[in-house]
Amino acid sequence: MTDESNCPKNLTEKFSQAQRFTINEKLSIEVSIEEIASAIGAPEEVEMVFKLMEHASANVDHPVKKIPADPPFRSRYQYGQ
């Protein structure tokens, strides 16, 4: 059983903000997780934003394209179609 007090209270909102950032900006440039986290006002939530962007880029319903890197945490993201 997980302790919900350790879960981010605004996970859904941060996901929406990160997705809106990539879509609204129609990013033709590749951006890092740190840049996305900073742009949505969550610079301390880099790991959470990474997990959200990994999910979004793996899901064909989201217009987020991943540009893989090694290590994966250094991957970059952009608006895709």
C-alpha atoms as a PDB file:
ATOM      1  CA  MET A   1       0.000   0.000   0.000  1.00  0.00           C
ATOM      2  CA  THR A   2       1.380   3.393  -0.951  1.00  0.00           C
ATOM      3  CA  ASP A   3       1.422   6.461   1.223  1.00  0.00           C
ATOM      4  CA  GLU A   4      -0.513   9.095  -0.740  1.00  0.00           C
ATOM      5  CA  SER A   5       1.084  11.873   1.290  1.00  0.00           C
ATOM      6  CA  ASN A   6       4.300  11.194  -0.678  1.00  0.00           C
ATOM      7  CA  CYS A   7       2.566  11.518  -4.061  1.00  0.00           C
ATOM      8  CA  PRO A   8       2.581  14.873  -5.857  1.00  0.00           C
ATOM      9  CA  LYS A   9      -0.783  16.510  -5.215  1.00  0.00           C
ATOM     10  CA  ASN A  10      -0.837  18.178  -8.590  1.00  0.00           C
ATOM     11  CA  LEU A  11       0.416  15.383 -10.844  1.00  0.00           C
ATOM     12  CA  THR A  12      -2.455  15.710 -13.314  1.00  0.00           C
ATOM     13  CA  GLU A  13      -2.104  19.479 -13.449  1.00  0.00           C
ATOM     14  CA  LYS A  14       1.649  19.279 -14.074  1.00  0.00           C
ATOM     15  CA  PHE A  15       1.070  16.742 -16.840  1.00  0.00           C
ATOM     16  CA  SER A  16      -1.466  19.065 -18.452  1.00  0.00           C
ATOM     17  CA  GLN A  17       0.889  22.028 -18.152  1.00  0.00           C
ATOM     18  CA  ALA A  18       3.813  20.117 -19.664  1.00  0.00           C
ATOM     19  CA  GLN A  19       1.680  18.875 -22.524  1.00  0.00           C
ATOM     20  CA  ARG A  20       0.182  22.333 -23.131  1.00  0.00           C
ATOM     21  CA  PHE A  21       3.677  23.835 -23.131  1.00  0.00           C
ATOM     22  CA  THR A  22       4.835  21.550 -25.935  1.00  0.00           C
ATOM     23  CA  ILE A  23       1.607  21.967 -27.905  1.00  0.00           C
ATOM     24  CA  ASN A  24       1.009  25.699 -27.409  1.00  0.00           C
ATOM     25  CA  GLU A  25       4.568  26.620 -28.234  1.00  0.00           C
ATOM     26  CA  LYS A  26       4.470  24.312 -31.269  1.00  0.00           C
ATOM     27  CA  LEU A  27       8.036  23.567 -30.410  1.00  0.00           C
ATOM     28  CA  SER A  28      10.053  23.169 -33.544  1.00  0.00           C
ATOM     29  CA  ILE A  29      13.100  23.080 -31.322  1.00  0.00           C
ATOM     30  CA  GLU A  30      14.019  20.277 -28.999  1.00  0.00           C
ATOM     31  CA  VAL A  31      13.720  21.094 -25.299  1.00  0.00           C
ATOM     32  CA  SER A  32      15.128  19.359 -22.263  1.00  0.00           C
ATOM     33  CA  ILE A  33      13.225  18.129 -19.246  1.00  0.00           C
ATOM     34  CA  GLU A  34      14.789  20.921 -17.204  1.00  0.00           C
ATOM     35  CA  GLU A  35      13.532  23.522 -19.698  1.00  0.00           C
ATOM     36  CA  ILE A  36      10.008  22.114 -19.639  1.00  0.00           C
ATOM     37  CA  ALA A  37       9.960  21.903 -15.835  1.00  0.00           C
ATOM     38  CA  SER A  38      11.142  25.495 -15.565  1.00  0.00           C
ATOM     39  CA  ALA A  39       8.641  26.740 -18.156  1.00  0.00           C
ATOM     40  CA  ILE A  40       5.686  25.235 -16.285  1.00  0.00           C
ATOM     41  CA  GLY A  41       6.855  26.595 -12.937  1.00  0.00           C
ATOM     42  CA  ALA A  42       8.037  23.282 -11.510  1.00  0.00           C
ATOM     43  CA  PRO A  43      11.850  23.373 -11.636  1.00  0.00           C
ATOM     44  CA  GLU A  44      12.012  21.190  -8.512  1.00  0.00           C
ATOM     45  CA  GLU A  45       9.865  18.498 -10.154  1.00  0.00           C
ATOM     46  CA  VAL A  46      12.253  17.474 -12.947  1.00  0.00           C
ATOM     47  CA  GLU A  47      11.890  13.746 -12.272  1.00  0.00           C
ATOM     48  CA  MET A  48       8.105  13.929 -12.347  1.00  0.00           C
ATOM     49  CA  VAL A  49       8.165  15.940 -15.591  1.00  0.00           C
ATOM     50  CA  PHE A  50      10.560  13.369 -17.086  1.00  0.00           C
ATOM     51  CA  LYS A  51       8.142  10.545 -16.290  1.00  0.00           C
ATOM     52  CA  LEU A  52       5.203  12.511 -17.669  1.00  0.00           C
ATOM     53  CA  MET A  53       7.009  13.332 -20.910  1.00  0.00           C
ATOM     54  CA  GLU A  54       8.131   9.720 -21.296  1.00  0.00           C
ATOM     55  CA  HIS A  55       4.490   8.687 -21.023  1.00  0.00           C
ATOM     56  CA  ALA A  56       3.322  11.367 -23.451  1.00  0.00           C
ATOM     57  CA  SER A  57       5.956  10.559 -26.052  1.00  0.00           C
ATOM     58  CA  ALA A  58       5.188   6.831 -25.872  1.00  0.00           C
ATOM     59  CA  ASN A  59       1.452   7.404 -26.331  1.00  0.00           C
ATOM     60  CA  VAL A  60       0.371   7.995 -29.930  1.00  0.00           C
ATOM     61  CA  ASP A  61      -2.535  10.140 -28.714  1.00  0.00           C
ATOM     62  CA  HIS A  62      -0.121  12.835 -27.520  1.00  0.00           C
ATOM     63  CA  PRO A  63       1.687  15.022 -30.086  1.00  0.00           C
ATOM     64  CA  VAL A  64       4.974  14.873 -28.205  1.00  0.00           C
ATOM     65  CA  LYS A  65       8.057  13.546 -29.963  1.00  0.00           C
ATOM     66  CA  LYS A  66      11.006  12.212 -28.010  1.00  0.00           C
ATOM     67  CA  ILE A  67      14.567  12.642 -29.238  1.00  0.00           C
ATOM     68  CA  PRO A  68      16.334   9.821 -27.373  1.00  0.00           C
ATOM     69  CA  ALA A  69      19.646  10.284 -25.606  1.00  0.00           C
ATOM     70  CA  ASP A  70      21.972   8.287 -23.438  1.00  0.00           C
ATOM     71  CA  PRO A  71      21.317   8.431 -20.551  1.00  0.00           C
ATOM     72  CA  PRO A  72      17.535   8.602 -21.115  1.00  0.00           C
ATOM     73  CA  PHE A  73      17.194  11.477 -18.657  1.00  0.00           C
ATOM     74  CA  ARG A  74      19.008  13.665 -21.219  1.00  0.00           C
ATOM     75  CA  SER A  75      16.416  12.983 -23.920  1.00  0.00           C
ATOM     76  CA  ARG A  76      14.809  16.011 -25.499  1.00  0.00           C
ATOM     77  CA  TYR A  77      11.221  16.576 -26.566  1.00  0.00           C
ATOM     78  CA  GLN A  78       9.376  18.554 -29.170  1.00  0.00           C
ATOM     79  CA  TYR A  79       5.935  19.003 -30.638  1.00  0.00           C
ATOM     80  CA  GLY A  80       5.283  16.225 -33.121  1.00  0.00           C
ATOM     81  CA  GLN A  81       2.482  15.114 -35.393  1.00  0.00           C
END
